[in-house]
Amino acid sequence: ISNNLSNINTTGYKKETAEFRSLLYQNIQKQTTDTNGQEKPIGAQVGLGVKVAAVGTTFKQGNFATTDGAFDFAINGKGFFMIEQPDGSIAYTRNGNFQLSVNTSGGPITFDANVDTTKLTFDNYGNIKYVDATGNAQNLGIAIGIAQYNNPAGLEKMGDSYFKESVASGTPRIEGQDANLQRSVVKNGYLESSSVQAVDEMVDMIVTQRAYEMNSKAITASDEMLQQANNLRS
């Protein structure tokens, strides 16, 4: 919850949710009986609490914020921008506030020396066009690469709003090359806001605080009961 609140203004950030699972159970009695001596259909087991099993990421679409950046982009859909890292590997992000991307062939986007980058335009699929002196938009034959994953929740977080491929996420599927994918819409001049809702996080914070207080009181009461039992004399 605190991480979500900290990233409420982080571009392209996706809300994280802690998932819990129960710990081991102790068998107090495998067979129990009622006051009449009849055997009950269930035994007596005591649970030992819970632990965090995973921290899942909810890839809910964030709102669009208008910007003045010529190379600001927002994705409406399930895709991720592909960003080349210094070591040559590819990272994936929903943060479109960048200057360099990777095109659909997997290589860096470059332009000829005679191309004025202030006259570039982008369509809704990230195709890059150049407006010449006559006002005509020429398709340069390159596009911003967008990838999708069958299991985006399995992506490994790297920080800086970056994700990387993992065994759980599967391999990336490149939009424009996979006919079975529904293509994302790329909007130039926008950035995707964080999907975190401050009101929801504050409510979750209050619920968590109350749960912590109740558990603390339960532990105190249990300790007092055991202390009294130890002090009993025949």
Protein backbone atom coordinates (compact mmCIF):
# COMPACT_ATOMS: atom_id res chain seq x y z
CA ILE A 1 0.00 0.00 0.00
CA SER A 2 2.79 2.42 0.89
CA ASN A 3 4.54 1.65 -2.42
CA ASN A 4 1.32 2.33 -4.32
CA LEU A 5 0.86 5.67 -2.55
CA SER A 6 4.50 6.59 -3.21
CA ASN A 7 3.99 5.97 -6.95
CA ILE A 8 0.67 7.74 -7.30
CA ASN A 9 2.28 10.27 -9.66
CA THR A 10 4.64 7.82 -11.42
CA THR A 11 3.93 7.68 -15.15
CA GLY A 12 2.76 4.25 -16.29
CA TYR A 13 2.84 2.76 -12.78
CA LYS A 14 0.50 -0.19 -12.15
CA LYS A 15 -1.09 -0.91 -8.79
CA GLU A 16 0.37 -3.78 -6.76
CA THR A 17 -1.68 -6.05 -4.51
CA ALA A 18 -0.37 -8.33 -1.77
CA GLU A 19 -1.70 -11.88 -1.90
CA PHE A 20 -1.71 -14.03 1.23
CA ARG A 21 -1.97 -17.73 2.02
CA SER A 22 -2.45 -19.66 5.25
CA LEU A 23 0.44 -21.28 7.08
CA LEU A 24 0.63 -24.82 8.51
CA TYR A 25 -2.11 -26.20 10.73
CA GLN A 26 -1.69 -28.09 13.99
CA ASN A 27 -3.91 -31.07 14.76
CA ILE A 28 -5.14 -30.63 18.33
CA GLN A 29 -7.42 -33.65 18.01
CA LYS A 30 -8.02 -35.80 14.98
CA GLN A 31 -11.30 -37.02 16.48
CA THR A 32 -13.63 -34.93 18.65
CA THR A 33 -16.88 -35.75 20.43
CA ASP A 34 -19.85 -33.73 21.60
CA THR A 35 -21.27 -33.66 25.16
CA ASN A 36 -23.10 -36.94 24.50
CA GLY A 37 -19.95 -38.73 23.44
CA GLN A 38 -20.95 -38.78 19.78
CA GLU A 39 -18.05 -38.39 17.36
CA LYS A 40 -18.04 -35.16 15.38
CA PRO A 41 -17.44 -35.28 11.60
CA ILE A 42 -14.50 -32.88 11.87
CA GLY A 43 -11.34 -32.73 13.94
CA ALA A 44 -9.77 -29.84 15.84
CA GLN A 45 -7.09 -27.94 13.96
CA VAL A 46 -5.41 -24.64 14.81
CA GLY A 47 -3.95 -22.43 12.10
CA LEU A 48 -0.63 -20.62 12.49
CA GLY A 49 -1.52 -17.41 10.68
CA VAL A 50 -0.75 -16.23 7.17
CA LYS A 51 2.18 -15.08 5.09
CA VAL A 52 2.65 -13.09 1.90
CA ALA A 53 2.52 -15.49 -1.04
CA ALA A 54 3.00 -12.96 -3.84
CA VAL A 55 2.72 -9.31 -4.77
CA GLY A 56 0.65 -9.17 -7.93
CA THR A 57 0.48 -6.30 -10.42
CA THR A 58 -2.88 -5.19 -11.76
CA PHE A 59 -2.44 -3.95 -15.33
CA LYS A 60 -5.49 -1.73 -15.38
CA GLN A 61 -5.59 1.01 -17.99
CA GLY A 62 -4.57 4.38 -16.55
CA ASN A 63 -5.93 7.78 -17.52
CA PHE A 64 -4.24 9.87 -20.20
CA ALA A 65 -2.54 13.16 -19.32
CA THR A 66 -1.86 15.72 -22.05
CA THR A 67 1.77 16.84 -22.37
CA ASP A 68 3.83 19.16 -24.56
CA GLY A 69 6.47 16.52 -25.25
CA ALA A 70 7.06 15.73 -28.92
CA PHE A 71 8.12 12.19 -27.99
CA ASP A 72 5.59 11.46 -25.26
CA PHE A 73 3.38 8.45 -25.94
CA ALA A 74 0.59 6.60 -24.14
CA ILE A 75 -0.70 3.11 -24.89
CA ASN A 76 -4.40 2.31 -24.91
CA GLY A 77 -4.41 -1.47 -24.82
CA LYS A 78 -2.35 -4.36 -23.49
CA GLY A 79 0.97 -3.51 -25.11
CA PHE A 80 4.33 -2.43 -23.69
CA PHE A 81 6.99 -0.17 -25.15
CA MET A 82 10.27 -1.97 -25.86
CA ILE A 83 13.30 -0.13 -24.49
CA GLU A 84 16.91 -1.07 -25.24
CA GLN A 85 19.07 -1.24 -22.12
CA PRO A 86 22.80 -0.35 -21.92
CA ASP A 87 23.68 -4.06 -21.86
CA GLY A 88 21.71 -4.67 -25.05
CA SER A 89 18.77 -6.42 -23.37
CA ILE A 90 15.18 -5.27 -23.85
CA ALA A 91 13.02 -3.87 -21.07
CA TYR A 92 9.28 -3.29 -21.26
CA THR A 93 7.36 -0.33 -19.90
CA ARG A 94 4.10 1.61 -20.05
CA ASN A 95 5.98 4.86 -19.48
CA GLY A 96 6.13 6.55 -22.88
CA ASN A 97 8.21 9.54 -21.76
CA PHE A 98 11.30 8.78 -23.84
CA GLN A 99 13.42 9.79 -26.79
CA LEU A 100 14.57 6.42 -28.12
CA SER A 101 12.56 3.24 -28.65
CA VAL A 102 12.92 -0.03 -30.55
CA ASN A 103 11.21 -0.57 -33.88
CA THR A 104 9.18 -3.56 -34.95
CA SER A 105 12.20 -5.33 -36.42
CA GLY A 106 13.93 -5.31 -33.04
CA GLY A 107 16.60 -2.70 -33.88
CA PRO A 108 17.04 0.91 -32.77
CA ILE A 109 15.12 3.65 -34.56
CA THR A 110 17.42 5.87 -36.64
CA PHE A 111 16.80 8.64 -39.18
CA ASP A 112 18.74 9.92 -42.17
CA ALA A 113 20.69 13.14 -41.68
CA ASN A 114 18.28 15.05 -43.94
CA VAL A 115 15.22 14.18 -41.80
CA ASP A 116 14.04 17.09 -39.63
CA THR A 117 12.80 15.36 -36.46
CA THR A 118 10.55 18.35 -35.67
CA LYS A 119 8.44 17.36 -38.69
CA LEU A 120 7.77 13.78 -37.65
CA THR A 121 4.21 12.56 -37.12
CA PHE A 122 2.88 9.34 -35.62
CA ASP A 123 -0.29 7.43 -36.36
CA ASN A 124 -2.36 5.41 -33.87
CA TYR A 125 -0.20 2.32 -34.35
CA GLY A 126 3.14 4.04 -33.80
CA ASN A 127 4.07 4.27 -37.49
CA ILE A 128 6.48 7.15 -38.04
CA LYS A 129 5.90 9.56 -40.92
CA TYR A 130 7.82 12.58 -42.17
CA VAL A 131 6.11 15.73 -43.43
CA ASP A 132 8.11 17.08 -46.36
CA ALA A 133 8.31 20.65 -47.70
CA THR A 134 5.15 20.14 -49.77
CA GLY A 135 3.14 19.12 -46.69
CA ASN A 136 2.85 15.48 -47.67
CA ALA A 137 3.37 12.83 -44.98
CA GLN A 138 5.84 10.21 -46.16
CA ASN A 139 5.82 6.84 -44.43
CA LEU A 140 9.40 6.09 -43.29
CA GLY A 141 8.67 2.37 -42.98
CA ILE A 142 9.54 2.21 -39.28
CA ALA A 143 7.34 2.12 -36.21
CA ILE A 144 7.56 2.13 -32.45
CA GLY A 145 7.67 -1.49 -31.32
CA ILE A 146 4.83 -2.65 -29.06
CA ALA A 147 4.87 -6.07 -27.38
CA GLN A 148 2.27 -8.03 -25.46
CA TYR A 149 2.55 -10.93 -23.01
CA ASN A 150 0.20 -13.82 -22.39
CA ASN A 151 0.82 -13.38 -18.64
CA PRO A 152 1.92 -9.79 -17.95
CA ALA A 153 1.52 -10.38 -14.20
CA GLY A 154 4.52 -12.73 -14.46
CA LEU A 155 6.87 -9.97 -15.64
CA GLU A 156 9.77 -9.23 -13.31
CA LYS A 157 9.96 -5.67 -11.97
CA MET A 158 13.24 -3.84 -12.53
CA GLY A 159 12.46 -0.39 -11.13
CA ASP A 160 12.06 2.89 -13.07
CA SER A 161 8.71 1.51 -14.34
CA TYR A 162 10.59 -1.18 -16.29
CA PHE A 163 9.73 -4.86 -16.52
CA LYS A 164 11.70 -7.74 -17.98
CA GLU A 165 10.74 -11.08 -19.44
CA SER A 166 10.55 -14.10 -17.15
CA VAL A 167 9.63 -17.76 -17.38
CA ALA A 168 6.24 -16.97 -15.85
CA SER A 169 5.45 -14.16 -18.32
CA GLY A 170 6.38 -16.15 -21.40
CA THR A 171 7.99 -14.68 -24.51
CA PRO A 172 6.93 -11.32 -25.96
CA ARG A 173 4.50 -11.22 -28.85
CA ILE A 174 5.16 -8.31 -31.20
CA GLU A 175 2.14 -6.35 -32.36
CA GLY A 176 1.96 -6.03 -36.12
CA GLN A 177 3.66 -9.40 -36.55
CA ASP A 178 1.15 -11.54 -34.66
CA ALA A 179 -2.21 -11.59 -36.44
CA ASN A 180 -3.93 -13.06 -33.37
CA LEU A 181 -3.26 -9.98 -31.24
CA GLN A 182 -5.59 -7.05 -30.86
CA ARG A 183 -3.32 -4.09 -31.54
CA SER A 184 -2.92 -1.31 -29.02
CA VAL A 185 -3.55 2.35 -29.87
CA VAL A 186 -0.54 4.65 -29.44
CA LYS A 187 -1.34 8.30 -28.71
CA ASN A 188 1.36 10.92 -29.27
CA GLY A 189 1.40 13.93 -26.93
CA TYR A 190 -0.01 11.98 -23.97
CA LEU A 191 1.34 10.02 -21.01
CA GLU A 192 -0.45 7.30 -19.09
CA SER A 193 -1.02 8.23 -15.45
CA SER A 194 -0.59 5.84 -12.54
CA SER A 195 -3.50 3.44 -12.05
CA VAL A 196 -3.39 3.98 -8.26
CA GLN A 197 -6.51 5.50 -6.67
CA ALA A 198 -5.61 7.44 -3.52
CA VAL A 199 -9.02 6.90 -1.87
CA ASP A 200 -8.85 3.11 -2.33
CA GLU A 201 -5.31 2.98 -0.92
CA MET A 202 -6.26 5.04 2.14
CA VAL A 203 -9.23 2.76 2.83
CA ASP A 204 -6.93 -0.28 2.50
CA MET A 205 -4.46 1.40 4.85
CA ILE A 206 -7.17 1.88 7.52
CA VAL A 207 -8.39 -1.73 7.16
CA THR A 208 -4.81 -3.02 7.44
CA GLN A 209 -4.17 -0.89 10.52
CA ARG A 210 -7.31 -2.21 12.23
CA ALA A 211 -6.37 -5.79 11.38
CA TYR A 212 -2.91 -5.25 12.85
CA GLU A 213 -4.40 -3.80 16.03
CA MET A 214 -6.79 -6.76 16.41
CA ASN A 215 -3.96 -9.27 15.94
CA SER A 216 -1.83 -7.42 18.46
CA LYS A 217 -4.63 -7.51 21.05
CA ALA A 218 -5.25 -11.21 20.37
CA ILE A 219 -1.57 -12.00 20.99
CA THR A 220 -1.62 -9.98 24.23
CA ALA A 221 -4.79 -11.75 25.44
CA SER A 222 -3.32 -15.17 24.61
CA ASP A 223 -0.13 -14.32 26.49
CA GLU A 224 -2.11 -13.25 29.56
CA MET A 225 -4.18 -16.46 29.48
CA LEU A 226 -1.07 -18.62 29.32
CA GLN A 227 0.50 -16.65 32.16
CA GLN A 228 -2.55 -17.25 34.34
CA ALA A 229 -2.52 -20.97 33.48
CA ASN A 230 1.13 -21.21 34.51
CA ASN A 231 0.36 -19.51 37.85
CA LEU A 232 -2.44 -21.90 38.77
CA ARG A 233 -1.82 -23.96 41.89
CA SER A 234 -3.52 -27.10 43.01
